[in-house]
Amino acid sequence: IKSGGYRYLGDRIPHITQPTLVLWGDTDRILDPQFAHRF
């Protein structure tokens, strides 16, 4: 937790080259479903 976790990833996501499936529960109360649209 003190390491700060994965806060550095956001700007790097567009560099993913592999075909990627994003699956999202439409009533997710832990992570906002808006993140699915960002992916």
PDB file of all heavy atoms in Angstrom:
ATOM      1  N   ILE A   1       0.839  -1.209   0.000  1.00  0.00           N
ATOM      2  CA  ILE A   1       0.000   0.000   0.000  1.00  0.00           C
ATOM      3  C   ILE A   1       0.867   1.249   0.000  1.00  0.00           C
ATOM      4  O   ILE A   1       0.600   2.226  -0.707  1.00  0.00           O
ATOM      5  CB  ILE A   1      -0.972  -0.022   1.190  1.00  0.00           C
ATOM      6  CG1 ILE A   1      -1.976  -1.180   1.034  1.00  0.00           C
ATOM      7  CG2 ILE A   1      -1.727   1.298   1.294  1.00  0.00           C
ATOM      8  CD1 ILE A   1      -2.842  -1.413   2.250  1.00  0.00           C
ATOM      9  N   LYS A   2       1.959   1.220   0.782  1.00  0.00           N
ATOM     10  CA  LYS A   2       2.858   2.378   0.825  1.00  0.00           C
ATOM     11  C   LYS A   2       3.569   2.598  -0.510  1.00  0.00           C
ATOM     12  O   LYS A   2       4.035   3.701  -0.799  1.00  0.00           O
ATOM     13  CB  LYS A   2       3.888   2.197   1.935  1.00  0.00           C
ATOM     14  CG  LYS A   2       3.343   2.438   3.336  1.00  0.00           C
ATOM     15  CD  LYS A   2       4.444   2.332   4.377  1.00  0.00           C
ATOM     16  CE  LYS A   2       3.937   2.699   5.762  1.00  0.00           C
ATOM     17  NZ  LYS A   2       4.998   2.595   6.797  1.00  0.00           N
ATOM     18  N   SER A   3       3.649   1.554  -1.347  1.00  0.00           N
ATOM     19  CA  SER A   3       4.304   1.708  -2.647  1.00  0.00           C
ATOM     20  C   SER A   3       3.513   2.618  -3.583  1.00  0.00           C
ATOM     21  O   SER A   3       4.043   3.106  -4.582  1.00  0.00           O
ATOM     22  CB  SER A   3       4.489   0.337  -3.306  1.00  0.00           C
ATOM     23  OG  SER A   3       3.270  -0.139  -3.875  1.00  0.00           O
ATOM     24  N   GLY A   4       2.228   2.806  -3.291  1.00  0.00           N
ATOM     25  CA  GLY A   4       1.393   3.665  -4.125  1.00  0.00           C
ATOM     26  C   GLY A   4       0.581   2.939  -5.169  1.00  0.00           C
ATOM     27  O   GLY A   4      -0.259   3.536  -5.843  1.00  0.00           O
ATOM     28  N   GLY A   5       0.829   1.641  -5.327  1.00  0.00           N
ATOM     29  CA  GLY A   5       0.024   0.871  -6.268  1.00  0.00           C
ATOM     30  C   GLY A   5       0.261   1.258  -7.715  1.00  0.00           C
ATOM     31  O   GLY A   5       1.360   1.638  -8.108  1.00  0.00           O
ATOM     32  N   TYR A   6      -0.805   1.181  -8.514  1.00  0.00           N
ATOM     33  CA  TYR A   6      -0.704   1.296  -9.971  1.00  0.00           C
ATOM     34  C   TYR A   6      -1.125   2.669 -10.481  1.00  0.00           C
ATOM     35  O   TYR A   6      -1.676   2.776 -11.586  1.00  0.00           O
ATOM     36  CB  TYR A   6      -1.543   0.198 -10.613  1.00  0.00           C
ATOM     37  CG  TYR A   6      -0.954  -1.178 -10.437  1.00  0.00           C
ATOM     38  CD1 TYR A   6      -1.336  -1.992  -9.367  1.00  0.00           C
ATOM     39  CD2 TYR A   6      -0.002  -1.661 -11.315  1.00  0.00           C
ATOM     40  CE1 TYR A   6      -0.788  -3.254  -9.205  1.00  0.00           C
ATOM     41  CE2 TYR A   6       0.554  -2.918 -11.171  1.00  0.00           C
ATOM     42  CZ  TYR A   6       0.160  -3.715 -10.106  1.00  0.00           C
ATOM     43  OH  TYR A   6       0.715  -4.962  -9.942  1.00  0.00           O
ATOM     44  N   ARG A   7      -0.820   3.696  -9.759  1.00  0.00           N
ATOM     45  CA  ARG A   7      -1.263   5.032 -10.158  1.00  0.00           C
ATOM     46  C   ARG A   7      -0.618   5.510 -11.460  1.00  0.00           C
ATOM     47  O   ARG A   7      -1.088   6.482 -12.072  1.00  0.00           O
ATOM     48  CB  ARG A   7      -0.966   6.025  -9.035  1.00  0.00           C
ATOM     49  CG  ARG A   7       0.520   6.230  -8.755  1.00  0.00           C
ATOM     50  CD  ARG A   7       0.748   7.215  -7.633  1.00  0.00           C
ATOM     51  NE  ARG A   7       0.269   6.697  -6.368  1.00  0.00           N
ATOM     52  CZ  ARG A   7       0.288   7.386  -5.229  1.00  0.00           C
ATOM     53  NH1 ARG A   7       0.743   8.620  -5.206  1.00  0.00           N
ATOM     54  NH2 ARG A   7      -0.153   6.852  -4.109  1.00  0.00           N
ATOM     55  N   TYR A   8       0.454   4.864 -11.894  1.00  0.00           N
ATOM     56  CA  TYR A   8       1.214   5.306 -13.066  1.00  0.00           C
ATOM     57  C   TYR A   8       0.689   4.750 -14.394  1.00  0.00           C
ATOM     58  O   TYR A   8       1.216   5.064 -15.462  1.00  0.00           O
ATOM     59  CB  TYR A   8       2.680   4.882 -12.917  1.00  0.00           C
ATOM     60  CG  TYR A   8       2.871   3.384 -12.734  1.00  0.00           C
ATOM     61  CD1 TYR A   8       2.971   2.529 -13.821  1.00  0.00           C
ATOM     62  CD2 TYR A   8       2.932   2.837 -11.449  1.00  0.00           C
ATOM     63  CE1 TYR A   8       3.119   1.169 -13.650  1.00  0.00           C
ATOM     64  CE2 TYR A   8       3.093   1.473 -11.263  1.00  0.00           C
ATOM     65  CZ  TYR A   8       3.194   0.647 -12.369  1.00  0.00           C
ATOM     66  OH  TYR A   8       3.342  -0.701 -12.179  1.00  0.00           O
ATOM     67  N   LEU A   9      -0.340   3.896 -14.374  1.00  0.00           N
ATOM     68  CA  LEU A   9      -0.735   3.163 -15.581  1.00  0.00           C
ATOM     69  C   LEU A   9      -1.609   3.948 -16.550  1.00  0.00           C
ATOM     70  O   LEU A   9      -1.611   3.663 -17.743  1.00  0.00           O
ATOM     71  CB  LEU A   9      -1.479   1.879 -15.193  1.00  0.00           C
ATOM     72  CG  LEU A   9      -0.659   0.650 -14.845  1.00  0.00           C
ATOM     73  CD1 LEU A   9      -1.590  -0.525 -14.587  1.00  0.00           C
ATOM     74  CD2 LEU A   9       0.343   0.314 -15.934  1.00  0.00           C
ATOM     75  N   GLY A  10      -2.389   4.873 -16.054  1.00  0.00           N
ATOM     76  CA  GLY A  10      -3.435   5.497 -16.867  1.00  0.00           C
ATOM     77  C   GLY A  10      -2.965   5.998 -18.220  1.00  0.00           C
ATOM     78  O   GLY A  10      -3.586   5.722 -19.259  1.00  0.00           O
ATOM     79  N   ASP A  11      -1.851   6.722 -18.241  1.00  0.00           N
ATOM     80  CA  ASP A  11      -1.365   7.300 -19.497  1.00  0.00           C
ATOM     81  C   ASP A  11      -0.750   6.259 -20.420  1.00  0.00           C
ATOM     82  O   ASP A  11      -0.510   6.544 -21.604  1.00  0.00           O
ATOM     83  CB  ASP A  11      -0.319   8.386 -19.203  1.00  0.00           C
ATOM     84  CG  ASP A  11      -0.934   9.595 -18.521  1.00  0.00           C
ATOM     85  OD1 ASP A  11      -2.160   9.787 -18.635  1.00  0.00           O
ATOM     86  OD2 ASP A  11      -0.185  10.348 -17.866  1.00  0.00           O
ATOM     87  N   ARG A  12      -0.497   5.055 -19.918  1.00  0.00           N
ATOM     88  CA  ARG A  12       0.166   4.014 -20.723  1.00  0.00           C
ATOM     89  C   ARG A  12      -0.829   3.062 -21.392  1.00  0.00           C
ATOM     90  O   ARG A  12      -0.456   2.302 -22.282  1.00  0.00           O
ATOM     91  CB  ARG A  12       1.132   3.222 -19.835  1.00  0.00           C
ATOM     92  CG  ARG A  12       2.220   4.072 -19.200  1.00  0.00           C
ATOM     93  CD  ARG A  12       3.086   3.247 -18.258  1.00  0.00           C
ATOM     94  NE  ARG A  12       3.722   2.148 -18.962  1.00  0.00           N
ATOM     95  CZ  ARG A  12       4.252   1.085 -18.358  1.00  0.00           C
ATOM     96  NH1 ARG A  12       4.180   0.986 -17.037  1.00  0.00           N
ATOM     97  NH2 ARG A  12       4.824   0.129 -19.068  1.00  0.00           N
ATOM     98  N   ILE A  13      -2.081   3.113 -20.984  1.00  0.00           N
ATOM     99  CA  ILE A  13      -3.072   2.177 -21.517  1.00  0.00           C
ATOM    100  C   ILE A  13      -3.206   2.268 -23.043  1.00  0.00           C
ATOM    101  O   ILE A  13      -3.335   1.238 -23.721  1.00  0.00           O
ATOM    102  CB  ILE A  13      -4.424   2.368 -20.797  1.00  0.00           C
ATOM    103  CG1 ILE A  13      -4.294   1.834 -19.354  1.00  0.00           C
ATOM    104  CG2 ILE A  13      -5.566   1.670 -21.522  1.00  0.00           C
ATOM    105  CD1 ILE A  13      -5.446   2.151 -18.440  1.00  0.00           C
ATOM    106  N   PRO A  14      -3.141   3.469 -23.654  1.00  0.00           N
ATOM    107  CA  PRO A  14      -3.224   3.515 -25.125  1.00  0.00           C
ATOM    108  C   PRO A  14      -2.076   2.794 -25.840  1.00  0.00           C
ATOM    109  O   PRO A  14      -2.178   2.552 -27.044  1.00  0.00           O
ATOM    110  CB  PRO A  14      -3.191   5.022 -25.417  1.00  0.00           C
ATOM    111  CG  PRO A  14      -3.719   5.660 -24.174  1.00  0.00           C
ATOM    112  CD  PRO A  14      -3.190   4.809 -23.057  1.00  0.00           C
ATOM    113  N   HIS A  15      -1.017   2.431 -25.114  1.00  0.00           N
ATOM    114  CA  HIS A  15       0.125   1.757 -25.733  1.00  0.00           C
ATOM    115  C   HIS A  15      -0.028   0.234 -25.761  1.00  0.00           C
ATOM    116  O   HIS A  15       0.853  -0.461 -26.290  1.00  0.00           O
ATOM    117  CB  HIS A  15       1.413   2.139 -25.007  1.00  0.00           C
ATOM    118  CG  HIS A  15       1.713   3.598 -25.040  1.00  0.00           C
ATOM    119  ND1 HIS A  15       2.026   4.280 -26.199  1.00  0.00           N
ATOM    120  CD2 HIS A  15       1.736   4.531 -24.049  1.00  0.00           C
ATOM    121  CE1 HIS A  15       2.231   5.554 -25.932  1.00  0.00           C
ATOM    122  NE2 HIS A  15       2.064   5.733 -24.630  1.00  0.00           N
ATOM    123  N   ILE A  16      -1.124  -0.286 -25.208  1.00  0.00           N
ATOM    124  CA  ILE A  16      -1.358  -1.730 -25.259  1.00  0.00           C
ATOM    125  C   ILE A  16      -1.599  -2.141 -26.710  1.00  0.00           C
ATOM    126  O   ILE A  16      -2.434  -1.565 -27.403  1.00  0.00           O
ATOM    127  CB  ILE A  16      -2.570  -2.108 -24.384  1.00  0.00           C
ATOM    128  CG1 ILE A  16      -2.267  -1.835 -22.902  1.00  0.00           C
ATOM    129  CG2 ILE A  16      -2.952  -3.575 -24.573  1.00  0.00           C
ATOM    130  CD1 ILE A  16      -3.473  -1.981 -21.993  1.00  0.00           C
ATOM    131  N   THR A  17      -0.865  -3.148 -27.172  1.00  0.00           N
ATOM    132  CA  THR A  17      -0.966  -3.569 -28.569  1.00  0.00           C
ATOM    133  C   THR A  17      -1.825  -4.822 -28.757  1.00  0.00           C
ATOM    134  O   THR A  17      -2.276  -5.095 -29.872  1.00  0.00           O
ATOM    135  CB  THR A  17       0.432  -3.847 -29.142  1.00  0.00           C
ATOM    136  OG1 THR A  17       1.076  -4.864 -28.349  1.00  0.00           O
ATOM    137  CG2 THR A  17       1.285  -2.592 -29.124  1.00  0.00           C
ATOM    138  N   GLN A  18      -2.039  -5.564 -27.689  1.00  0.00           N
ATOM    139  CA  GLN A  18      -2.778  -6.829 -27.817  1.00  0.00           C
ATOM    140  C   GLN A  18      -4.279  -6.567 -27.960  1.00  0.00           C
ATOM    141  O   GLN A  18      -4.812  -5.614 -27.371  1.00  0.00           O
ATOM    142  CB  GLN A  18      -2.555  -7.709 -26.587  1.00  0.00           C
ATOM    143  CG  GLN A  18      -1.131  -8.183 -26.395  1.00  0.00           C
ATOM    144  CD  GLN A  18      -0.276  -7.202 -25.610  1.00  0.00           C
ATOM    145  OE1 GLN A  18      -0.658  -6.052 -25.395  1.00  0.00           O
ATOM    146  NE2 GLN A  18       0.881  -7.659 -25.165  1.00  0.00           N
ATOM    147  N   PRO A  19      -4.982  -7.427 -28.712  1.00  0.00           N
ATOM    148  CA  PRO A  19      -6.446  -7.382 -28.661  1.00  0.00           C
ATOM    149  C   PRO A  19      -6.905  -7.568 -27.215  1.00  0.00           C
ATOM    150  O   PRO A  19      -6.419  -8.460 -26.519  1.00  0.00           O
ATOM    151  CB  PRO A  19      -6.860  -8.562 -29.541  1.00  0.00           C
ATOM    152  CG  PRO A  19      -5.693  -8.800 -30.441  1.00  0.00           C
ATOM    153  CD  PRO A  19      -4.474  -8.462 -29.635  1.00  0.00           C
ATOM    154  N   THR A  20      -7.824  -6.716 -26.777  1.00  0.00           N
ATOM    155  CA  THR A  20      -8.200  -6.688 -25.362  1.00  0.00           C
ATOM    156  C   THR A  20      -9.713  -6.696 -25.215  1.00  0.00           C
ATOM    157  O   THR A  20     -10.412  -5.896 -25.842  1.00  0.00           O
ATOM    158  CB  THR A  20      -7.629  -5.436 -24.668  1.00  0.00           C
ATOM    159  OG1 THR A  20      -6.207  -5.432 -24.811  1.00  0.00           O
ATOM    160  CG2 THR A  20      -7.984  -5.429 -23.192  1.00  0.00           C
ATOM    161  N   LEU A  21     -10.185  -7.615 -24.389  1.00  0.00           N
ATOM    162  CA  LEU A  21     -11.605  -7.670 -24.031  1.00  0.00           C
ATOM    163  C   LEU A  21     -11.786  -7.026 -22.670  1.00  0.00           C
ATOM    164  O   LEU A  21     -11.116  -7.400 -21.700  1.00  0.00           O
ATOM    165  CB  LEU A  21     -12.080  -9.119 -23.989  1.00  0.00           C
ATOM    166  CG  LEU A  21     -13.499  -9.359 -23.455  1.00  0.00           C
ATOM    167  CD1 LEU A  21     -14.544  -8.723 -24.371  1.00  0.00           C
ATOM    168  CD2 LEU A  21     -13.764 -10.854 -23.287  1.00  0.00           C
ATOM    169  N   VAL A  22     -12.679  -6.058 -22.590  1.00  0.00           N
ATOM    170  CA  VAL A  22     -13.022  -5.421 -21.322  1.00  0.00           C
ATOM    171  C   VAL A  22     -14.407  -5.907 -20.926  1.00  0.00           C
ATOM    172  O   VAL A  22     -15.393  -5.665 -21.629  1.00  0.00           O
ATOM    173  CB  VAL A  22     -13.009  -3.881 -21.444  1.00  0.00           C
ATOM    174  CG1 VAL A  22     -13.416  -3.236 -20.121  1.00  0.00           C
ATOM    175  CG2 VAL A  22     -11.630  -3.394 -21.890  1.00  0.00           C
ATOM    176  N   LEU A  23     -14.486  -6.616 -19.810  1.00  0.00           N
ATOM    177  CA  LEU A  23     -15.759  -7.089 -19.262  1.00  0.00           C
ATOM    178  C   LEU A  23     -16.087  -6.260 -18.032  1.00  0.00           C
ATOM    179  O   LEU A  23     -15.217  -6.043 -17.181  1.00  0.00           O
ATOM    180  CB  LEU A  23     -15.669  -8.566 -18.876  1.00  0.00           C
ATOM    181  CG  LEU A  23     -15.505  -9.577 -20.009  1.00  0.00           C
ATOM    182  CD1 LEU A  23     -15.339 -10.980 -19.446  1.00  0.00           C
ATOM    183  CD2 LEU A  23     -16.700  -9.522 -20.936  1.00  0.00           C
ATOM    184  N   TRP A  24     -17.360  -5.828 -17.904  1.00  0.00           N
ATOM    185  CA  TRP A  24     -17.695  -4.950 -16.781  1.00  0.00           C
ATOM    186  C   TRP A  24     -19.118  -5.237 -16.309  1.00  0.00           C
ATOM    187  O   TRP A  24     -20.053  -5.286 -17.109  1.00  0.00           O
ATOM    188  CB  TRP A  24     -17.607  -3.492 -17.199  1.00  0.00           C
ATOM    189  CG  TRP A  24     -17.118  -2.597 -16.094  1.00  0.00           C
ATOM    190  CD1 TRP A  24     -17.855  -2.054 -15.087  1.00  0.00           C
ATOM    191  CD2 TRP A  24     -15.766  -2.153 -15.890  1.00  0.00           C
ATOM    192  NE1 TRP A  24     -17.061  -1.301 -14.264  1.00  0.00           N
ATOM    193  CE2 TRP A  24     -15.764  -1.345 -14.734  1.00  0.00           C
ATOM    194  CE3 TRP A  24     -14.572  -2.363 -16.568  1.00  0.00           C
ATOM    195  CZ2 TRP A  24     -14.608  -0.737 -14.247  1.00  0.00           C
ATOM    196  CZ3 TRP A  24     -13.420  -1.759 -16.080  1.00  0.00           C
ATOM    197  CH2 TRP A  24     -13.449  -0.962 -14.940  1.00  0.00           C
ATOM    198  N   GLY A  25     -19.255  -5.429 -14.999  1.00  0.00           N
ATOM    199  CA  GLY A  25     -20.568  -5.531 -14.412  1.00  0.00           C
ATOM    200  C   GLY A  25     -21.276  -4.193 -14.460  1.00  0.00           C
ATOM    201  O   GLY A  25     -20.727  -3.174 -14.027  1.00  0.00           O
ATOM    202  N   ASP A  26     -22.506  -4.174 -14.978  1.00  0.00           N
ATOM    203  CA  ASP A  26     -23.147  -2.876 -15.234  1.00  0.00           C
ATOM    204  C   ASP A  26     -23.614  -2.175 -13.973  1.00  0.00           C
ATOM    205  O   ASP A  26     -24.010  -1.000 -14.024  1.00  0.00           O
ATOM    206  CB  ASP A  26     -24.304  -3.033 -16.223  1.00  0.00           C
ATOM    207  CG  ASP A  26     -25.438  -3.910 -15.699  1.00  0.00           C
ATOM    208  OD1 ASP A  26     -25.273  -4.548 -14.635  1.00  0.00           O
ATOM    209  OD2 ASP A  26     -26.494  -3.964 -16.364  1.00  0.00           O
ATOM    210  N   THR A  27     -23.575  -2.849 -12.805  1.00  0.00           N
ATOM    211  CA  THR A  27     -23.954  -2.186 -11.551  1.00  0.00           C
ATOM    212  C   THR A  27     -22.788  -2.191 -10.567  1.00  0.00           C
ATOM    213  O   THR A  27     -23.001  -2.219  -9.355  1.00  0.00           O
ATOM    214  CB  THR A  27     -25.187  -2.864 -10.914  1.00  0.00           C
ATOM    215  OG1 THR A  27     -24.860  -4.236 -10.612  1.00  0.00           O
ATOM    216  CG2 THR A  27     -26.385  -2.818 -11.845  1.00  0.00           C
ATOM    217  N   ASP A  28     -21.553  -2.164 -11.086  1.00  0.00           N
ATOM    218  CA  ASP A  28     -20.352  -2.155 -10.238  1.00  0.00           C
ATOM    219  C   ASP A  28     -20.389  -0.966  -9.281  1.00  0.00           C
ATOM    220  O   ASP A  28     -20.491   0.184  -9.711  1.00  0.00           O
ATOM    221  CB  ASP A  28     -19.106  -2.074 -11.134  1.00  0.00           C
ATOM    222  CG  ASP A  28     -17.809  -2.301 -10.368  1.00  0.00           C
ATOM    223  OD1 ASP A  28     -17.795  -2.132  -9.132  1.00  0.00           O
ATOM    224  OD2 ASP A  28     -16.806  -2.649 -11.014  1.00  0.00           O
ATOM    225  N   ARG A  29     -20.299  -1.260  -7.975  1.00  0.00           N
ATOM    226  CA  ARG A  29     -20.274  -0.202  -6.953  1.00  0.00           C
ATOM    227  C   ARG A  29     -18.883  -0.017  -6.356  1.00  0.00           C
ATOM    228  O   ARG A  29     -18.706   0.806  -5.456  1.00  0.00           O
ATOM    229  CB  ARG A  29     -21.276  -0.528  -5.839  1.00  0.00           C
ATOM    230  CG  ARG A  29     -22.732  -0.438  -6.281  1.00  0.00           C
ATOM    231  CD  ARG A  29     -23.675  -0.791  -5.152  1.00  0.00           C
ATOM    232  NE  ARG A  29     -23.630  -2.222  -4.842  1.00  0.00           N
ATOM    233  CZ  ARG A  29     -24.274  -2.782  -3.813  1.00  0.00           C
ATOM    234  NH1 ARG A  29     -24.976  -2.029  -2.981  1.00  0.00           N
ATOM    235  NH2 ARG A  29     -24.203  -4.093  -3.616  1.00  0.00           N
ATOM    236  N   ILE A  30     -17.891  -0.772  -6.856  1.00  0.00           N
ATOM    237  CA  ILE A  30     -16.513  -0.637  -6.386  1.00  0.00           C
ATOM    238  C   ILE A  30     -15.716   0.262  -7.330  1.00  0.00           C
ATOM    239  O   ILE A  30     -15.032   1.197  -6.900  1.00  0.00           O
ATOM    240  CB  ILE A  30     -15.839  -2.014  -6.265  1.00  0.00           C
ATOM    241  CG1 ILE A  30     -16.651  -2.937  -5.346  1.00  0.00           C
ATOM    242  CG2 ILE A  30     -14.407  -1.865  -5.757  1.00  0.00           C
ATOM    243  CD1 ILE A  30     -16.716  -2.509  -3.902  1.00  0.00           C
ATOM    244  N   LEU A  31     -15.793  -0.031  -8.618  1.00  0.00           N
ATOM    245  CA  LEU A  31     -15.153   0.789  -9.646  1.00  0.00           C
ATOM    246  C   LEU A  31     -16.231   1.320 -10.590  1.00  0.00           C
ATOM    247  O   LEU A  31     -17.001   0.552 -11.154  1.00  0.00           O
ATOM    248  CB  LEU A  31     -14.138  -0.028 -10.443  1.00  0.00           C
ATOM    249  CG  LEU A  31     -12.785  -0.295  -9.780  1.00  0.00           C
ATOM    250  CD1 LEU A  31     -11.936  -1.217 -10.655  1.00  0.00           C
ATOM    251  CD2 LEU A  31     -12.033   1.001  -9.512  1.00  0.00           C
ATOM    252  N   ASP A  32     -16.260   2.631 -10.754  1.00  0.00           N
ATOM    253  CA  ASP A  32     -17.281   3.292 -11.563  1.00  0.00           C
ATOM    254  C   ASP A  32     -17.301   2.703 -12.978  1.00  0.00           C
ATOM    255  O   ASP A  32     -16.255   2.619 -13.639  1.00  0.00           O
ATOM    256  CB  ASP A  32     -16.962   4.791 -11.633  1.00  0.00           C
ATOM    257  CG  ASP A  32     -18.118   5.605 -12.184  1.00  0.00           C
ATOM    258  OD1 ASP A  32     -18.827   5.115 -13.088  1.00  0.00           O
ATOM    259  OD2 ASP A  32     -18.318   6.736 -11.718  1.00  0.00           O
ATOM    260  N   PRO A  33     -18.461   2.283 -13.472  1.00  0.00           N
ATOM    261  CA  PRO A  33     -18.543   1.778 -14.850  1.00  0.00           C
ATOM    262  C   PRO A  33     -18.050   2.753 -15.906  1.00  0.00           C
ATOM    263  O   PRO A  33     -17.774   2.343 -17.037  1.00  0.00           O
ATOM    264  CB  PRO A  33     -20.036   1.473 -15.011  1.00  0.00           C
ATOM    265  CG  PRO A  33     -20.500   1.134 -13.626  1.00  0.00           C
ATOM    266  CD  PRO A  33     -19.721   2.075 -12.738  1.00  0.00           C
ATOM    267  N   GLN A  34     -17.916   4.043 -15.557  1.00  0.00           N
ATOM    268  CA  GLN A  34     -17.358   4.994 -16.525  1.00  0.00           C
ATOM    269  C   GLN A  34     -15.934   4.625 -16.921  1.00  0.00           C
ATOM    270  O   GLN A  34     -15.470   4.958 -18.014  1.00  0.00           O
ATOM    271  CB  GLN A  34     -17.392   6.416 -15.955  1.00  0.00           C
ATOM    272  CG  GLN A  34     -18.784   7.018 -15.890  1.00  0.00           C
ATOM    273  CD  GLN A  34     -19.441   7.097 -17.263  1.00  0.00           C
ATOM    274  OE1 GLN A  34     -18.818   7.496 -18.249  1.00  0.00           O
ATOM    275  NE2 GLN A  34     -20.711   6.698 -17.333  1.00  0.00           N
ATOM    276  N   PHE A  35     -15.224   3.906 -16.028  1.00  0.00           N
ATOM    277  CA  PHE A  35     -13.879   3.469 -16.380  1.00  0.00           C
ATOM    278  C   PHE A  35     -13.909   2.499 -17.557  1.00  0.00           C
ATOM    279  O   PHE A  35     -12.962   2.427 -18.347  1.00  0.00           O
ATOM    280  CB  PHE A  35     -13.190   2.822 -15.180  1.00  0.00           C
ATOM    281  CG  PHE A  35     -12.776   3.793 -14.106  1.00  0.00           C
ATOM    282  CD1 PHE A  35     -13.206   3.624 -12.802  1.00  0.00           C
ATOM    283  CD2 PHE A  35     -11.951   4.861 -14.407  1.00  0.00           C
ATOM    284  CE1 PHE A  35     -12.818   4.511 -11.808  1.00  0.00           C
ATOM    285  CE2 PHE A  35     -11.566   5.759 -13.413  1.00  0.00           C
ATOM    286  CZ  PHE A  35     -12.001   5.588 -12.112  1.00  0.00           C
ATOM    287  N   ALA A  36     -14.985   1.733 -17.675  1.00  0.00           N
ATOM    288  CA  ALA A  36     -15.107   0.810 -18.810  1.00  0.00           C
ATOM    289  C   ALA A  36     -15.104   1.579 -20.129  1.00  0.00           C
ATOM    290  O   ALA A  36     -14.469   1.161 -21.118  1.00  0.00           O
ATOM    291  CB  ALA A  36     -16.387  -0.017 -18.679  1.00  0.00           C
ATOM    292  N   HIS A  37     -15.800   2.704 -20.152  1.00  0.00           N
ATOM    293  CA  HIS A  37     -15.831   3.525 -21.363  1.00  0.00           C
ATOM    294  C   HIS A  37     -14.451   4.118 -21.656  1.00  0.00           C
ATOM    295  O   HIS A  37     -14.066   4.272 -22.825  1.00  0.00           O
ATOM    296  CB  HIS A  37     -16.864   4.631 -21.215  1.00  0.00           C
ATOM    297  CG  HIS A  37     -18.280   4.141 -21.146  1.00  0.00           C
ATOM    298  ND1 HIS A  37     -18.898   3.504 -22.202  1.00  0.00           N
ATOM    299  CD2 HIS A  37     -19.195   4.186 -20.133  1.00  0.00           C
ATOM    300  CE1 HIS A  37     -20.136   3.191 -21.864  1.00  0.00           C
ATOM    301  NE2 HIS A  37     -20.340   3.582 -20.615  1.00  0.00           N
ATOM    302  N   ARG A  38     -13.698   4.459 -20.619  1.00  0.00           N
ATOM    303  CA  ARG A  38     -12.347   4.983 -20.837  1.00  0.00           C
ATOM    304  C   ARG A  38     -11.450   3.922 -21.459  1.00  0.00           C
ATOM    305  O   ARG A  38     -10.662   4.207 -22.364  1.00  0.00           O
ATOM    306  CB  ARG A  38     -11.751   5.478 -19.515  1.00  0.00           C
ATOM    307  CG  ARG A  38     -12.359   6.768 -19.001  1.00  0.00           C
ATOM    308  CD  ARG A  38     -11.581   7.338 -17.837  1.00  0.00           C
ATOM    309  NE  ARG A  38     -10.222   7.735 -18.209  1.00  0.00           N
ATOM    310  CZ  ARG A  38      -9.356   8.282 -17.361  1.00  0.00           C
ATOM    311  NH1 ARG A  38      -9.694   8.465 -16.090  1.00  0.00           N
ATOM    312  NH2 ARG A  38      -8.145   8.616 -17.757  1.00  0.00           N
ATOM    313  N   PHE A  39     -11.561   2.681 -20.969  1.00  0.00           N
ATOM    314  CA  PHE A  39     -10.794   1.602 -21.592  1.00  0.00           C
ATOM    315  C   PHE A  39     -11.167   1.459 -23.065  1.00  0.00           C
ATOM    316  O   PHE A  39     -10.299   1.328 -23.929  1.00  0.00           O
ATOM    317  CB  PHE A  39     -11.048   0.281 -20.859  1.00  0.00           C
ATOM    318  CG  PHE A  39     -10.200   0.064 -19.641  1.00  0.00           C
ATOM    319  CD1 PHE A  39     -10.772  -0.008 -18.379  1.00  0.00           C
ATOM    320  CD2 PHE A  39      -8.823  -0.094 -19.754  1.00  0.00           C
ATOM    321  CE1 PHE A  39      -9.995  -0.233 -17.247  1.00  0.00           C
ATOM    322  CE2 PHE A  39      -8.033  -0.313 -18.629  1.00  0.00           C
ATOM    323  CZ  PHE A  39      -8.616  -0.378 -17.376  1.00  0.00           C
TER     324      PHE A  39
END
